[in-house]
Structures are given as structure tokens and as C-alpha cells.
């Protein structure tokens, strides 16, 4: 029998914002995020991926694959985390 998991407790964090992300998956399994939707509903195109590495978010908590991205002139982090087999994207609130 499959365990039913309540994900709401994982979503409560004033510094962490879960976002919807449009991605492309390469034939080698790599994931390239193209854009994300912020909590206000605005969609932002990712202009450049600067770095990709496993890392923790010291500000918001959580860990996963950290993408250092550039949106217009601003650099920020986009995280892909896995909790109990579910992958989700989050960003740190400024």
C-alpha cells in the first residue's frame, strides 16, 4: 500500500518560495530551466545558467541541486529539491 504524504508542512517557510518552472530535459538526463513563475503570478525568463551543483540553501533551509541563474541583471539561486520522492523547485525570498 502506498503511503499518503501531506506536503503542506513542507510548504510553510517565510524564506522559501515554491515556484513553477518550465524546463527542457536533455538526452543525457540534464535539466535546463528556462523560466519560472513567481508567487505573484509573473513569469520570468532565465537569461543564463551560471552554475549547477549540489548545495544547501542557508537562508531558506533545504538542499538539492542549486542552479545559479541570471534574470535580467540579477543573479539568484533556483533549487531543485527532493522530499520523499517528489521533486520540487524553490527559490529564496529576498
C-alpha atoms as a PDB file:
ATOM      1  CA  UNK A   1       0.000   0.000   0.000  1.00  0.00           C
ATOM      2  CA  UNK A   2       1.356   3.412  -0.971  1.00  0.00           C
ATOM      3  CA  UNK A   3       1.918   5.902   1.854  1.00  0.00           C
ATOM      4  CA  UNK A   4      -0.125   9.116   1.647  1.00  0.00           C
ATOM      5  CA  UNK A   5       2.099  12.117   2.332  1.00  0.00           C
ATOM      6  CA  UNK A   6       0.819  15.534   3.400  1.00  0.00           C
ATOM      7  CA  UNK A   7       3.111  18.076   1.728  1.00  0.00           C
ATOM      8  CA  UNK A   8       1.612  21.194   3.353  1.00  0.00           C
ATOM      9  CA  UNK A   9       4.071  21.198   6.295  1.00  0.00           C
ATOM     10  CA  UNK A  10       6.934  21.293   3.776  1.00  0.00           C
ATOM     11  CA  UNK A  11       5.456  24.425   2.154  1.00  0.00           C
ATOM     12  CA  UNK A  12       5.443  26.653   5.266  1.00  0.00           C
ATOM     13  CA  UNK A  13       8.603  28.760   5.299  1.00  0.00           C
ATOM     14  CA  UNK A  14       8.796  32.547   5.137  1.00  0.00           C
ATOM     15  CA  UNK A  15      12.107  32.466   3.251  1.00  0.00           C
ATOM     16  CA  UNK A  16      11.270  29.704   0.766  1.00  0.00           C
ATOM     17  CA  UNK A  17       9.057  30.234  -2.287  1.00  0.00           C
ATOM     18  CA  UNK A  18       7.972  27.196  -4.299  1.00  0.00           C
ATOM     19  CA  UNK A  19       7.776  28.081  -7.980  1.00  0.00           C
ATOM     20  CA  UNK A  20       6.555  26.537 -11.219  1.00  0.00           C
ATOM     21  CA  UNK A  21       9.408  26.053 -13.669  1.00  0.00           C
ATOM     22  CA  UNK A  22       9.440  25.397 -17.416  1.00  0.00           C
ATOM     23  CA  UNK A  23      12.360  23.083 -18.228  1.00  0.00           C
ATOM     24  CA  UNK A  24      13.981  21.157 -21.047  1.00  0.00           C
ATOM     25  CA  UNK A  25      15.458  17.728 -20.401  1.00  0.00           C
ATOM     26  CA  UNK A  26      18.461  16.749 -22.462  1.00  0.00           C
ATOM     27  CA  UNK A  27      19.045  13.287 -23.894  1.00  0.00           C
ATOM     28  CA  UNK A  28      21.751  12.854 -21.230  1.00  0.00           C
ATOM     29  CA  UNK A  29      19.180  13.474 -18.457  1.00  0.00           C
ATOM     30  CA  UNK A  30      20.327  17.009 -17.719  1.00  0.00           C
ATOM     31  CA  UNK A  31      17.631  19.502 -16.740  1.00  0.00           C
ATOM     32  CA  UNK A  32      17.751  23.072 -18.047  1.00  0.00           C
ATOM     33  CA  UNK A  33      15.275  25.533 -16.500  1.00  0.00           C
ATOM     34  CA  UNK A  34      14.016  28.117 -18.999  1.00  0.00           C
ATOM     35  CA  UNK A  35      11.615  30.249 -16.937  1.00  0.00           C
ATOM     36  CA  UNK A  36       9.802  30.324 -13.595  1.00  0.00           C
ATOM     37  CA  UNK A  37       6.565  31.746 -12.221  1.00  0.00           C
ATOM     38  CA  UNK A  38       6.963  33.795  -9.035  1.00  0.00           C
ATOM     39  CA  UNK A  39       4.322  33.764  -6.275  1.00  0.00           C
ATOM     40  CA  UNK A  40       2.695  36.951  -7.649  1.00  0.00           C
ATOM     41  CA  UNK A  41       1.958  35.160 -10.946  1.00  0.00           C
ATOM     42  CA  UNK A  42       4.638  36.929 -13.001  1.00  0.00           C
ATOM     43  CA  UNK A  43       6.737  34.730 -15.275  1.00  0.00           C
ATOM     44  CA  UNK A  44      10.459  35.433 -15.551  1.00  0.00           C
ATOM     45  CA  UNK A  45      12.704  34.132 -18.315  1.00  0.00           C
ATOM     46  CA  UNK A  46      16.072  32.761 -17.230  1.00  0.00           C
ATOM     47  CA  UNK A  47      18.689  34.547 -19.318  1.00  0.00           C
ATOM     48  CA  UNK A  48      21.663  32.411 -18.294  1.00  0.00           C
ATOM     49  CA  UNK A  49      22.544  29.417 -16.137  1.00  0.00           C
ATOM     50  CA  UNK A  50      25.833  30.312 -14.478  1.00  0.00           C
ATOM     51  CA  UNK A  51      26.451  27.235 -12.317  1.00  0.00           C
ATOM     52  CA  UNK A  52      24.832  23.922 -11.318  1.00  0.00           C
ATOM     53  CA  UNK A  53      25.869  21.980  -8.201  1.00  0.00           C
ATOM     54  CA  UNK A  54      24.508  20.125  -5.176  1.00  0.00           C
ATOM     55  CA  UNK A  55      24.111  22.656  -2.359  1.00  0.00           C
ATOM     56  CA  UNK A  56      22.038  23.721   0.629  1.00  0.00           C
ATOM     57  CA  UNK A  57      20.014  26.875   0.956  1.00  0.00           C
ATOM     58  CA  UNK A  58      21.423  28.531   4.063  1.00  0.00           C
ATOM     59  CA  UNK A  59      18.756  31.237   4.001  1.00  0.00           C
ATOM     60  CA  UNK A  60      15.606  29.181   3.394  1.00  0.00           C
ATOM     61  CA  UNK A  61      16.650  25.711   4.523  1.00  0.00           C
ATOM     62  CA  UNK A  62      16.540  22.656   2.338  1.00  0.00           C
ATOM     63  CA  UNK A  63      19.007  21.284  -0.135  1.00  0.00           C
ATOM     64  CA  UNK A  64      19.188  19.871  -3.601  1.00  0.00           C
ATOM     65  CA  UNK A  65      20.586  20.855  -6.950  1.00  0.00           C
ATOM     66  CA  UNK A  66      21.320  24.593  -6.895  1.00  0.00           C
ATOM     67  CA  UNK A  67      21.162  26.483 -10.165  1.00  0.00           C
ATOM     68  CA  UNK A  68      22.826  29.887 -10.104  1.00  0.00           C
ATOM     69  CA  UNK A  69      20.814  31.830 -12.673  1.00  0.00           C
ATOM     70  CA  UNK A  70      20.683  35.301 -14.164  1.00  0.00           C
ATOM     71  CA  UNK A  71      17.347  37.034 -14.750  1.00  0.00           C
ATOM     72  CA  UNK A  72      17.971  40.337 -16.492  1.00  0.00           C
ATOM     73  CA  UNK A  73      20.853  41.828 -14.443  1.00  0.00           C
ATOM     74  CA  UNK A  74      20.211  39.944 -11.196  1.00  0.00           C
ATOM     75  CA  UNK A  75      21.874  36.696 -10.123  1.00  0.00           C
ATOM     76  CA  UNK A  76      19.891  34.389  -7.844  1.00  0.00           C
ATOM     77  CA  UNK A  77      19.520  30.737  -6.914  1.00  0.00           C
ATOM     78  CA  UNK A  78      16.930  28.221  -8.089  1.00  0.00           C
ATOM     79  CA  UNK A  79      16.841  24.909  -6.194  1.00  0.00           C
ATOM     80  CA  UNK A  80      15.514  21.525  -7.260  1.00  0.00           C
ATOM     81  CA  UNK A  81      14.828  19.578  -4.058  1.00  0.00           C
ATOM     82  CA  UNK A  82      13.563  16.057  -3.476  1.00  0.00           C
ATOM     83  CA  UNK A  83      11.348  15.282  -0.472  1.00  0.00           C
ATOM     84  CA  UNK A  84      10.059  11.732  -0.113  1.00  0.00           C
ATOM     85  CA  UNK A  85      10.496  11.018  -3.809  1.00  0.00           C
ATOM     86  CA  UNK A  86       8.831  14.235  -5.046  1.00  0.00           C
ATOM     87  CA  UNK A  87      10.930  16.833  -6.902  1.00  0.00           C
ATOM     88  CA  UNK A  88      10.008  20.500  -6.430  1.00  0.00           C
ATOM     89  CA  UNK A  89      11.550  23.828  -7.355  1.00  0.00           C
ATOM     90  CA  UNK A  90      12.052  26.641  -4.840  1.00  0.00           C
ATOM     91  CA  UNK A  91      13.757  29.994  -4.560  1.00  0.00           C
ATOM     92  CA  UNK A  92      14.830  32.138  -1.634  1.00  0.00           C
ATOM     93  CA  UNK A  93      12.669  35.144  -0.811  1.00  0.00           C
ATOM     94  CA  UNK A  94      14.717  38.339  -0.544  1.00  0.00           C
END
